[in-house]
């Protein structure tokens, strides 16, 4: 995403940046793009906090800025309401991630679904990942609890790795479910070549902040990094619907 790169330069960049713009959207974009020209800004809008603007980056991440673009904050914005602290940043990030995930055609996933699903989870997976294999062994239990499991590809070692090639073989198989079962059981699949969306899904995962597998995205866009036991995962997933 380059956010870390942005703030490595912020101490020098923002201190010397002068933006002559009446429009806060323009002022904020100009300031950020002086520091990082390829900053993937999707939208700039007023935040719930008076005088502070919310900068939505591609993939769901959020920054906050002053109207003149001279001050930028990276962190969480909370609202205290009825004695509780509500994390507005996480809410916005989840909404954006849900939008990105829901844009993936189901035809480009490997789906394990019960007859009448109550909710769904989207799992960024690597067939060579031990915890991904453990989670997969509990997919039947998740289905019994009403959770549909949708797999998307995330080869941890990058494109061209053994994991990426195996994922391509899964997605190119006539029976993707059977191929996924075989791959997760550490059985080799015959090499296959087709227009598999492995690279596209890997790029999406990186964009929304996936750093390892399994990375589980609930129906509301909330991300759960790492393995969770089926019963615990189903409980959280059903509440997020």
Protein backbone atom coordinates (compact mmCIF):
# COMPACT_ATOMS: atom_id res chain seq x y z
CA UNK A 1 0.00 0.00 0.00
CA UNK A 2 2.91 2.35 0.59
CA UNK A 3 1.40 3.89 3.76
CA UNK A 4 4.56 3.17 5.73
CA UNK A 5 6.58 4.73 2.94
CA UNK A 6 4.34 7.77 3.13
CA UNK A 7 4.99 8.39 6.79
CA UNK A 8 8.69 7.67 6.54
CA UNK A 9 8.80 10.82 4.42
CA UNK A 10 6.09 12.76 6.22
CA UNK A 11 8.36 14.54 8.70
CA UNK A 12 10.23 16.20 5.85
CA UNK A 13 7.53 16.28 3.18
CA UNK A 14 4.61 17.84 5.00
CA UNK A 15 6.77 20.36 6.80
CA UNK A 16 7.80 21.89 3.48
CA UNK A 17 4.56 21.42 1.55
CA UNK A 18 2.48 24.51 0.85
CA UNK A 19 -0.78 23.89 -0.98
CA UNK A 20 -2.72 26.77 -2.43
CA UNK A 21 -6.14 25.21 -2.90
CA UNK A 22 -9.56 26.30 -1.71
CA UNK A 23 -11.02 22.82 -2.04
CA UNK A 24 -10.05 20.46 0.85
CA UNK A 25 -10.23 17.46 -1.50
CA UNK A 26 -7.69 19.06 -3.82
CA UNK A 27 -5.48 20.35 -1.00
CA UNK A 28 -5.29 16.96 0.72
CA UNK A 29 -4.65 15.07 -2.52
CA UNK A 30 -1.90 17.50 -3.50
CA UNK A 31 -0.16 17.17 -0.13
CA UNK A 32 -0.26 13.38 -0.11
CA UNK A 33 0.77 13.05 -3.74
CA UNK A 34 3.77 15.32 -3.19
CA UNK A 35 5.01 12.72 -0.72
CA UNK A 36 3.90 9.67 -2.70
CA UNK A 37 2.78 10.32 -6.29
CA UNK A 38 1.10 6.91 -6.61
CA UNK A 39 -0.87 7.21 -3.38
CA UNK A 40 -4.04 5.19 -4.19
CA UNK A 41 -6.63 7.71 -2.97
CA UNK A 42 -10.21 6.67 -3.67
CA UNK A 43 -12.11 9.41 -1.87
CA UNK A 44 -11.77 12.40 0.44
CA UNK A 45 -14.74 13.38 2.59
CA UNK A 46 -15.56 15.03 5.89
CA UNK A 47 -15.12 12.65 8.79
CA UNK A 48 -17.53 12.43 11.74
CA UNK A 49 -15.01 14.55 13.67
CA UNK A 50 -15.52 18.27 12.92
CA UNK A 51 -12.66 19.83 10.99
CA UNK A 52 -11.05 16.51 10.10
CA UNK A 53 -11.26 14.87 6.68
CA UNK A 54 -11.24 11.14 6.02
CA UNK A 55 -9.03 9.86 3.20
CA UNK A 56 -10.06 6.47 1.88
CA UNK A 57 -7.27 4.54 0.19
CA UNK A 58 -7.78 1.72 -2.25
CA UNK A 59 -8.27 -1.51 -0.34
CA UNK A 60 -10.07 0.06 2.61
CA UNK A 61 -7.33 1.74 4.59
CA UNK A 62 -8.04 5.17 6.05
CA UNK A 63 -6.04 8.30 6.78
CA UNK A 64 -7.22 11.56 8.35
CA UNK A 65 -6.17 15.07 7.35
CA UNK A 66 -6.76 18.73 8.04
CA UNK A 67 -8.71 20.69 5.42
CA UNK A 68 -5.54 22.38 4.15
CA UNK A 69 -3.65 19.09 3.86
CA UNK A 70 -0.89 20.24 6.19
CA UNK A 71 -1.63 17.67 8.91
CA UNK A 72 -2.14 13.94 8.36
CA UNK A 73 -2.97 11.27 10.94
CA UNK A 74 -2.58 7.52 10.54
CA UNK A 75 -4.50 5.68 13.23
CA UNK A 76 -7.93 4.91 14.65
CA UNK A 77 -10.75 7.40 15.08
CA UNK A 78 -13.14 6.55 17.92
CA UNK A 79 -16.54 7.92 18.81
CA UNK A 80 -17.67 7.63 22.42
CA UNK A 81 -21.38 6.89 22.49
CA UNK A 82 -23.53 5.60 25.35
CA UNK A 83 -20.44 4.82 27.38
CA UNK A 84 -18.81 2.76 24.63
CA UNK A 85 -15.91 3.46 22.28
CA UNK A 86 -16.86 2.78 18.66
CA UNK A 87 -13.96 2.34 16.27
CA UNK A 88 -15.09 4.37 13.26
CA UNK A 89 -11.92 3.59 11.32
CA UNK A 90 -12.43 -0.16 11.53
CA UNK A 91 -16.06 0.28 10.51
CA UNK A 92 -15.08 2.23 7.40
CA UNK A 93 -12.33 -0.23 6.54
CA UNK A 94 -14.67 -3.19 6.89
CA UNK A 95 -17.29 -1.57 4.67
CA UNK A 96 -14.70 -0.92 1.99
CA UNK A 97 -13.26 -4.45 2.22
CA UNK A 98 -16.74 -5.96 2.01
CA UNK A 99 -17.33 -3.97 -1.17
CA UNK A 100 -14.10 -5.28 -2.70
CA UNK A 101 -14.82 -8.89 -1.70
CA UNK A 102 -18.44 -8.80 -2.84
CA UNK A 103 -17.24 -7.65 -6.26
CA UNK A 104 -15.51 -11.02 -6.80
CA UNK A 105 -17.76 -13.26 -8.94
CA UNK A 106 -18.62 -16.47 -7.11
CA UNK A 107 -17.64 -18.25 -10.33
CA UNK A 108 -14.04 -17.20 -9.61
CA UNK A 109 -14.03 -18.80 -6.14
CA UNK A 110 -13.97 -22.34 -4.80
CA UNK A 111 -17.13 -22.59 -2.74
CA UNK A 112 -18.20 -25.12 -0.09
CA UNK A 113 -21.79 -24.36 0.87
CA UNK A 114 -24.58 -25.96 2.90
CA UNK A 115 -28.03 -26.25 1.35
CA UNK A 116 -29.30 -23.23 3.28
CA UNK A 117 -26.37 -21.02 4.31
CA UNK A 118 -26.96 -18.50 7.07
CA UNK A 119 -23.86 -16.49 6.27
CA UNK A 120 -20.59 -16.77 4.40
CA UNK A 121 -16.89 -16.22 4.94
CA UNK A 122 -14.26 -15.53 2.30
CA UNK A 123 -10.90 -17.18 2.97
CA UNK A 124 -7.63 -16.14 1.36
CA UNK A 125 -5.86 -19.47 1.20
CA UNK A 126 -2.61 -21.17 0.22
CA UNK A 127 -2.71 -24.94 -0.26
CA UNK A 128 0.82 -25.27 1.20
CA UNK A 129 -0.21 -23.56 4.46
CA UNK A 130 -0.57 -25.89 7.47
CA UNK A 131 -3.23 -23.81 9.22
CA UNK A 132 -5.13 -23.51 5.91
CA UNK A 133 -5.17 -27.28 5.76
CA UNK A 134 -6.40 -27.47 9.36
CA UNK A 135 -9.17 -24.96 8.64
CA UNK A 136 -10.16 -26.88 5.53
CA UNK A 137 -10.57 -30.07 7.56
CA UNK A 138 -13.25 -28.20 9.54
CA UNK A 139 -15.17 -26.91 6.52
CA UNK A 140 -17.82 -29.67 6.87
CA UNK A 141 -18.39 -28.53 10.47
CA UNK A 142 -18.68 -24.90 9.34
CA UNK A 143 -21.20 -25.95 6.70
CA UNK A 144 -23.22 -27.81 9.32
CA UNK A 145 -23.31 -24.62 11.39
CA UNK A 146 -24.69 -22.70 8.40
CA UNK A 147 -21.48 -21.05 7.20
CA UNK A 148 -20.66 -21.03 3.50
CA UNK A 149 -16.90 -21.06 2.85
CA UNK A 150 -15.65 -19.17 -0.21
CA UNK A 151 -12.00 -19.62 -1.09
CA UNK A 152 -9.87 -17.09 -2.95
CA UNK A 153 -6.20 -17.57 -3.77
CA UNK A 154 -3.27 -16.08 -1.89
CA UNK A 155 0.04 -17.83 -2.65
CA UNK A 156 2.23 -16.69 0.24
CA UNK A 157 5.48 -17.19 -1.66
CA UNK A 158 4.24 -15.17 -4.61
CA UNK A 159 3.41 -15.95 -8.19
CA UNK A 160 5.54 -18.71 -9.70
CA UNK A 161 5.80 -20.54 -6.36
CA UNK A 162 4.69 -24.12 -5.78
CA UNK A 163 1.66 -22.80 -3.93
CA UNK A 164 0.67 -20.54 -6.81
CA UNK A 165 1.01 -23.40 -9.31
CA UNK A 166 -1.08 -25.71 -7.13
CA UNK A 167 -3.76 -23.06 -6.69
CA UNK A 168 -3.86 -22.64 -10.48
CA UNK A 169 -4.36 -26.39 -10.83
CA UNK A 170 -7.25 -26.23 -8.35
CA UNK A 171 -8.95 -23.35 -10.15
CA UNK A 172 -8.45 -25.00 -13.57
CA UNK A 173 -9.87 -28.35 -12.46
CA UNK A 174 -13.28 -29.49 -13.70
CA UNK A 175 -14.22 -30.24 -10.09
CA UNK A 176 -12.67 -27.46 -8.02
CA UNK A 177 -13.98 -28.79 -4.72
CA UNK A 178 -12.41 -32.22 -5.29
CA UNK A 179 -9.16 -30.60 -6.40
CA UNK A 180 -9.11 -28.36 -3.32
CA UNK A 181 -9.73 -31.36 -1.06
CA UNK A 182 -6.85 -33.18 -2.71
CA UNK A 183 -4.49 -30.21 -2.51
CA UNK A 184 -5.31 -29.53 1.14
CA UNK A 185 -4.56 -33.21 1.85
CA UNK A 186 -1.06 -32.53 0.50
CA UNK A 187 -1.59 -34.60 -2.63
CA UNK A 188 0.00 -33.37 -5.84
CA UNK A 189 -2.29 -32.22 -8.62
CA UNK A 190 -1.62 -32.49 -12.31
CA UNK A 191 -0.38 -29.21 -13.74
CA UNK A 192 -3.13 -27.25 -15.45
CA UNK A 193 -3.21 -24.16 -17.58
CA UNK A 194 -6.22 -21.87 -17.86
CA UNK A 195 -7.24 -18.26 -17.24
CA UNK A 196 -7.19 -18.72 -13.46
CA UNK A 197 -7.61 -15.55 -11.35
CA UNK A 198 -4.73 -16.40 -9.00
CA UNK A 199 -2.66 -13.28 -9.66
CA UNK A 200 -5.72 -11.01 -9.49
CA UNK A 201 -6.83 -12.44 -6.15
CA UNK A 202 -3.28 -12.34 -4.78
CA UNK A 203 -3.06 -8.66 -5.70
CA UNK A 204 -6.44 -7.99 -4.07
CA UNK A 205 -5.31 -9.67 -0.87
CA UNK A 206 -2.20 -7.52 -0.72
CA UNK A 207 -4.27 -4.41 -1.40
CA UNK A 208 -6.64 -5.02 1.51
CA UNK A 209 -3.84 -5.90 3.92
CA UNK A 210 -3.62 -9.71 3.88
CA UNK A 211 -0.20 -10.66 5.24
CA UNK A 212 -0.58 -14.39 5.79
CA UNK A 213 -2.94 -17.30 5.41
CA UNK A 214 -5.58 -18.18 6.22
CA UNK A 215 -7.00 -14.67 6.21
CA UNK A 216 -10.74 -14.78 6.84
CA UNK A 217 -13.11 -12.02 5.79
CA UNK A 218 -16.58 -12.05 7.35
CA UNK A 219 -19.72 -11.02 5.46
CA UNK A 220 -19.49 -7.50 6.90
CA UNK A 221 -15.88 -7.06 5.75
CA UNK A 222 -14.25 -7.63 9.13
CA UNK A 223 -10.95 -9.43 8.69
CA UNK A 224 -9.76 -12.19 10.99
CA UNK A 225 -6.07 -13.01 10.49
CA UNK A 226 -5.16 -16.63 11.07
CA UNK A 227 -6.87 -19.89 11.93
CA UNK A 228 -9.90 -20.00 14.20
CA UNK A 229 -11.59 -23.24 15.40
CA UNK A 230 -14.83 -23.95 13.52
CA UNK A 231 -17.23 -23.42 16.44
CA UNK A 232 -15.61 -20.13 17.43
CA UNK A 233 -15.38 -18.94 13.82
CA UNK A 234 -19.01 -19.80 13.09
CA UNK A 235 -20.18 -17.90 16.17
CA UNK A 236 -18.35 -14.75 15.06
CA UNK A 237 -19.43 -15.15 11.42
CA UNK A 238 -23.11 -15.51 12.28
CA UNK A 239 -23.03 -12.38 14.43
CA UNK A 240 -21.45 -10.42 11.58
CA UNK A 241 -24.23 -11.20 9.12
